[in-house]
N, C-alpha and C. Protein backbone atom coordinates (compact mmCIF):
# COMPACT_ATOMS: atom_id res chain seq x y z
N UNK A 1 -56.50 -13.48 85.78
CA UNK A 1 -56.48 -12.09 86.16
C UNK A 1 -55.76 -11.92 87.49
N UNK A 2 -56.04 -12.82 88.41
CA UNK A 2 -55.41 -12.74 89.73
C UNK A 2 -53.89 -12.85 89.62
N UNK A 3 -53.41 -13.80 88.83
CA UNK A 3 -51.96 -13.99 88.68
C UNK A 3 -51.31 -12.76 88.07
N UNK A 4 -51.93 -12.19 87.05
CA UNK A 4 -51.39 -10.98 86.41
C UNK A 4 -51.34 -9.84 87.43
N UNK A 5 -52.42 -9.65 88.16
CA UNK A 5 -52.49 -8.59 89.16
C UNK A 5 -51.42 -8.78 90.23
N UNK A 6 -51.27 -9.98 90.74
CA UNK A 6 -50.29 -10.24 91.79
C UNK A 6 -48.87 -10.05 91.29
N UNK A 7 -48.60 -10.42 90.04
CA UNK A 7 -47.27 -10.21 89.46
C UNK A 7 -46.96 -8.75 89.27
N UNK A 8 -47.98 -7.95 88.98
CA UNK A 8 -47.77 -6.50 88.87
C UNK A 8 -47.56 -5.87 90.24
N UNK A 9 -48.36 -6.30 91.19
CA UNK A 9 -48.32 -5.69 92.52
C UNK A 9 -47.09 -6.10 93.31
N UNK A 10 -46.71 -7.37 93.21
CA UNK A 10 -45.57 -7.90 93.97
C UNK A 10 -44.62 -8.65 93.04
N UNK A 11 -43.95 -7.94 92.13
CA UNK A 11 -43.08 -8.63 91.17
C UNK A 11 -41.81 -9.18 91.83
N UNK A 12 -41.34 -10.31 91.32
CA UNK A 12 -40.09 -10.90 91.78
C UNK A 12 -39.26 -11.27 90.56
N UNK A 13 -37.93 -11.29 90.73
CA UNK A 13 -37.07 -11.70 89.63
C UNK A 13 -36.98 -13.22 89.59
N UNK A 14 -36.10 -13.75 88.73
CA UNK A 14 -35.98 -15.20 88.57
C UNK A 14 -35.56 -15.91 89.86
N UNK A 15 -34.87 -15.18 90.74
CA UNK A 15 -34.38 -15.78 91.99
C UNK A 15 -35.37 -15.59 93.14
N UNK A 16 -36.51 -14.95 92.88
CA UNK A 16 -37.51 -14.74 93.92
C UNK A 16 -37.32 -13.47 94.72
N UNK A 17 -36.38 -12.62 94.28
CA UNK A 17 -36.14 -11.35 94.98
C UNK A 17 -37.13 -10.30 94.51
N UNK A 18 -37.62 -9.45 95.42
CA UNK A 18 -38.58 -8.40 95.02
C UNK A 18 -37.96 -7.42 94.03
N UNK A 19 -38.77 -6.97 93.07
CA UNK A 19 -38.35 -5.96 92.09
C UNK A 19 -39.22 -4.73 92.27
N UNK A 20 -38.87 -3.66 91.53
CA UNK A 20 -39.71 -2.45 91.53
C UNK A 20 -41.08 -2.81 90.98
N UNK A 21 -42.10 -2.24 91.58
CA UNK A 21 -43.46 -2.54 91.14
C UNK A 21 -44.11 -1.32 90.53
N UNK A 22 -45.17 -1.58 89.78
CA UNK A 22 -46.00 -0.52 89.21
C UNK A 22 -47.03 -0.17 90.27
N UNK A 23 -47.28 1.14 90.50
CA UNK A 23 -48.32 1.48 91.47
C UNK A 23 -49.67 0.95 90.99
N UNK A 24 -50.24 -0.01 91.69
CA UNK A 24 -51.49 -0.63 91.28
C UNK A 24 -52.32 -0.94 92.52
N UNK A 25 -53.61 -0.80 92.40
CA UNK A 25 -54.50 -1.04 93.53
C UNK A 25 -55.55 -2.07 93.15
N UNK A 26 -56.37 -2.44 94.12
CA UNK A 26 -57.44 -3.40 93.83
C UNK A 26 -58.46 -2.82 92.86
N UNK A 27 -58.48 -1.50 92.71
CA UNK A 27 -59.38 -0.89 91.71
C UNK A 27 -59.03 -1.38 90.31
N UNK A 28 -57.73 -1.55 90.03
CA UNK A 28 -57.33 -2.06 88.72
C UNK A 28 -57.76 -3.51 88.55
N UNK A 29 -57.69 -4.30 89.62
CA UNK A 29 -58.17 -5.68 89.53
C UNK A 29 -59.67 -5.70 89.24
N UNK A 30 -60.41 -4.85 89.91
CA UNK A 30 -61.86 -4.76 89.66
C UNK A 30 -62.12 -4.32 88.22
N UNK A 31 -61.31 -3.40 87.73
CA UNK A 31 -61.46 -2.95 86.34
C UNK A 31 -61.18 -4.09 85.36
N UNK A 32 -60.17 -4.91 85.65
CA UNK A 32 -59.86 -6.06 84.79
C UNK A 32 -61.06 -7.01 84.74
N UNK A 33 -61.67 -7.22 85.89
CA UNK A 33 -62.84 -8.11 85.94
C UNK A 33 -64.00 -7.53 85.14
N UNK A 34 -64.26 -6.22 85.34
CA UNK A 34 -65.38 -5.59 84.59
C UNK A 34 -65.12 -5.58 83.08
N UNK A 35 -63.88 -5.32 82.68
CA UNK A 35 -63.56 -5.33 81.26
C UNK A 35 -63.71 -6.73 80.66
N UNK A 36 -63.33 -7.74 81.41
CA UNK A 36 -63.50 -9.13 80.94
C UNK A 36 -64.99 -9.44 80.77
N UNK A 37 -65.80 -9.01 81.72
CA UNK A 37 -67.24 -9.23 81.63
C UNK A 37 -67.83 -8.47 80.45
N UNK A 38 -67.37 -7.25 80.22
CA UNK A 38 -67.87 -6.46 79.10
C UNK A 38 -67.50 -7.10 77.77
N UNK A 39 -66.28 -7.65 77.69
CA UNK A 39 -65.88 -8.31 76.45
C UNK A 39 -66.74 -9.53 76.19
N UNK A 40 -67.05 -10.28 77.22
CA UNK A 40 -67.92 -11.45 77.07
C UNK A 40 -69.31 -11.04 76.60
N UNK A 41 -69.83 -9.96 77.19
CA UNK A 41 -71.16 -9.47 76.78
C UNK A 41 -71.15 -9.00 75.34
N UNK A 42 -70.05 -8.38 74.92
CA UNK A 42 -69.94 -7.92 73.53
C UNK A 42 -69.99 -9.10 72.55
N UNK A 43 -69.56 -10.26 73.04
CA UNK A 43 -69.62 -11.48 72.22
C UNK A 43 -70.91 -12.26 72.48
N UNK A 44 -71.87 -11.60 73.16
CA UNK A 44 -73.19 -12.17 73.44
C UNK A 44 -73.10 -13.44 74.30
N UNK A 45 -72.19 -13.43 75.27
CA UNK A 45 -72.06 -14.53 76.22
C UNK A 45 -72.38 -14.03 77.61
N UNK A 46 -72.90 -14.90 78.44
CA UNK A 46 -73.22 -14.54 79.83
C UNK A 46 -72.08 -14.89 80.78
N UNK A 47 -71.03 -15.48 80.26
CA UNK A 47 -69.91 -15.91 81.10
C UNK A 47 -68.60 -15.49 80.42
N UNK A 48 -67.56 -15.38 81.22
CA UNK A 48 -66.25 -14.93 80.75
C UNK A 48 -65.39 -16.14 80.42
N UNK A 49 -64.77 -16.10 79.26
CA UNK A 49 -63.83 -17.15 78.85
C UNK A 49 -62.41 -16.72 79.17
N UNK A 50 -61.52 -17.68 79.19
CA UNK A 50 -60.10 -17.40 79.39
C UNK A 50 -59.60 -16.39 78.35
N UNK A 51 -60.08 -16.52 77.14
CA UNK A 51 -59.67 -15.63 76.04
C UNK A 51 -60.06 -14.18 76.34
N UNK A 52 -61.20 -13.96 76.98
CA UNK A 52 -61.62 -12.61 77.38
C UNK A 52 -60.62 -12.02 78.36
N UNK A 53 -60.27 -12.80 79.37
CA UNK A 53 -59.33 -12.34 80.39
C UNK A 53 -57.95 -12.07 79.78
N UNK A 54 -57.49 -12.93 78.89
CA UNK A 54 -56.18 -12.73 78.26
C UNK A 54 -56.15 -11.47 77.40
N UNK A 55 -57.24 -11.20 76.68
CA UNK A 55 -57.30 -9.98 75.88
C UNK A 55 -57.28 -8.73 76.76
N UNK A 56 -57.95 -8.79 77.90
CA UNK A 56 -57.97 -7.66 78.82
C UNK A 56 -56.58 -7.47 79.45
N UNK A 57 -55.90 -8.55 79.77
CA UNK A 57 -54.54 -8.45 80.31
C UNK A 57 -53.63 -7.80 79.27
N UNK A 58 -53.75 -8.20 78.02
CA UNK A 58 -52.94 -7.59 76.95
C UNK A 58 -53.22 -6.09 76.85
N UNK A 59 -54.48 -5.71 76.96
CA UNK A 59 -54.85 -4.30 76.94
C UNK A 59 -54.20 -3.56 78.11
N UNK A 60 -54.23 -4.15 79.29
CA UNK A 60 -53.63 -3.53 80.47
C UNK A 60 -52.11 -3.42 80.33
N UNK A 61 -51.48 -4.44 79.78
CA UNK A 61 -50.02 -4.41 79.57
C UNK A 61 -49.65 -3.25 78.67
N UNK A 62 -50.34 -3.12 77.56
CA UNK A 62 -50.03 -2.04 76.62
C UNK A 62 -50.33 -0.67 77.23
N UNK A 63 -51.41 -0.57 77.98
CA UNK A 63 -51.76 0.69 78.62
C UNK A 63 -50.71 1.07 79.66
N UNK A 64 -50.29 0.12 80.47
CA UNK A 64 -49.28 0.37 81.50
C UNK A 64 -47.96 0.78 80.86
N UNK A 65 -47.57 0.11 79.79
CA UNK A 65 -46.33 0.47 79.09
C UNK A 65 -46.41 1.90 78.57
N UNK A 66 -47.55 2.25 78.00
CA UNK A 66 -47.72 3.58 77.43
C UNK A 66 -47.62 4.67 78.50
N UNK A 67 -48.21 4.42 79.65
CA UNK A 67 -48.19 5.40 80.74
C UNK A 67 -46.78 5.55 81.31
N UNK A 68 -46.04 4.45 81.40
CA UNK A 68 -44.75 4.47 82.07
C UNK A 68 -43.56 4.68 81.14
N UNK A 69 -43.79 4.93 79.86
CA UNK A 69 -42.68 5.19 78.95
C UNK A 69 -42.22 6.63 79.08
N UNK A 70 -40.90 6.80 79.08
CA UNK A 70 -40.37 8.16 79.13
C UNK A 70 -40.18 8.68 77.70
N UNK A 71 -39.55 9.84 77.57
CA UNK A 71 -39.38 10.48 76.27
C UNK A 71 -38.54 9.64 75.31
N UNK A 72 -37.67 8.78 75.86
CA UNK A 72 -36.80 7.93 75.04
C UNK A 72 -37.45 6.59 74.69
N UNK A 73 -38.67 6.36 75.20
CA UNK A 73 -39.36 5.11 74.92
C UNK A 73 -39.01 4.00 75.90
N UNK A 74 -38.26 4.33 76.96
CA UNK A 74 -37.88 3.34 77.96
C UNK A 74 -38.91 3.33 79.09
N UNK A 75 -39.09 2.17 79.70
CA UNK A 75 -40.05 2.03 80.81
C UNK A 75 -39.45 2.65 82.07
N UNK A 76 -40.18 3.60 82.65
CA UNK A 76 -39.79 4.26 83.90
C UNK A 76 -40.93 4.05 84.88
N UNK A 77 -40.74 3.15 85.85
CA UNK A 77 -41.80 2.77 86.79
C UNK A 77 -42.24 3.93 87.67
N UNK A 78 -41.43 4.98 87.77
CA UNK A 78 -41.79 6.12 88.61
C UNK A 78 -42.80 7.04 87.93
N UNK A 79 -42.97 6.88 86.62
CA UNK A 79 -43.92 7.74 85.89
C UNK A 79 -45.34 7.27 86.13
N UNK A 80 -46.27 8.19 85.98
CA UNK A 80 -47.68 7.84 86.11
C UNK A 80 -48.17 8.02 87.52
N UNK A 81 -49.42 8.31 87.66
CA UNK A 81 -50.01 8.48 88.98
C UNK A 81 -49.36 9.62 89.73
N UNK A 82 -49.26 9.47 91.01
CA UNK A 82 -48.66 10.49 91.87
C UNK A 82 -47.24 10.09 92.25
N UNK A 83 -46.57 9.37 91.35
CA UNK A 83 -45.22 8.93 91.65
C UNK A 83 -45.18 7.84 92.71
N UNK A 84 -46.29 7.12 92.84
CA UNK A 84 -46.34 6.03 93.79
C UNK A 84 -46.81 6.43 95.18
N UNK A 85 -47.07 7.73 95.41
CA UNK A 85 -47.58 8.16 96.71
C UNK A 85 -48.84 8.98 96.50
N UNK A 86 -49.68 8.99 97.50
CA UNK A 86 -50.92 9.74 97.40
C UNK A 86 -50.65 11.24 97.48
N UNK A 87 -51.60 12.02 96.97
CA UNK A 87 -51.47 13.48 97.06
C UNK A 87 -51.39 13.92 98.51
N UNK A 88 -52.17 13.29 99.38
CA UNK A 88 -52.16 13.65 100.79
C UNK A 88 -50.79 13.40 101.40
N UNK A 89 -50.18 12.26 101.07
CA UNK A 89 -48.86 11.95 101.60
C UNK A 89 -47.81 12.90 101.02
N UNK A 90 -47.96 13.28 99.76
CA UNK A 90 -47.01 14.22 99.16
C UNK A 90 -47.10 15.58 99.83
N UNK A 91 -48.32 16.02 100.15
CA UNK A 91 -48.50 17.30 100.84
C UNK A 91 -47.93 17.24 102.26
N UNK A 92 -48.11 16.10 102.90
CA UNK A 92 -47.60 15.92 104.26
C UNK A 92 -46.07 15.98 104.26
N UNK A 93 -45.45 15.39 103.24
CA UNK A 93 -43.99 15.39 103.15
C UNK A 93 -43.46 16.81 102.90
N UNK A 94 -44.29 17.64 102.25
CA UNK A 94 -43.88 19.00 101.95
C UNK A 94 -43.80 19.81 103.21
């Protein structure tokens, strides 16, 4: 979960150069952890398996793609949320 979160938050290309990132906060990491725990509980386990975490990552990938797709079906990282800035910051810029 940590590796997936860090790759989303601070993505780099093959050469190690920073790329555009998806607006993501530690709340999403906490949500990934809670979803993994919930999946384990649904399988009547008291602990989380790697398979639980991988399924939750797949869910997050599909959800993120769905939010960031434009009308043509292409990924647009600027879509979703407040365009990467908080409402307070957007009002301040106005």
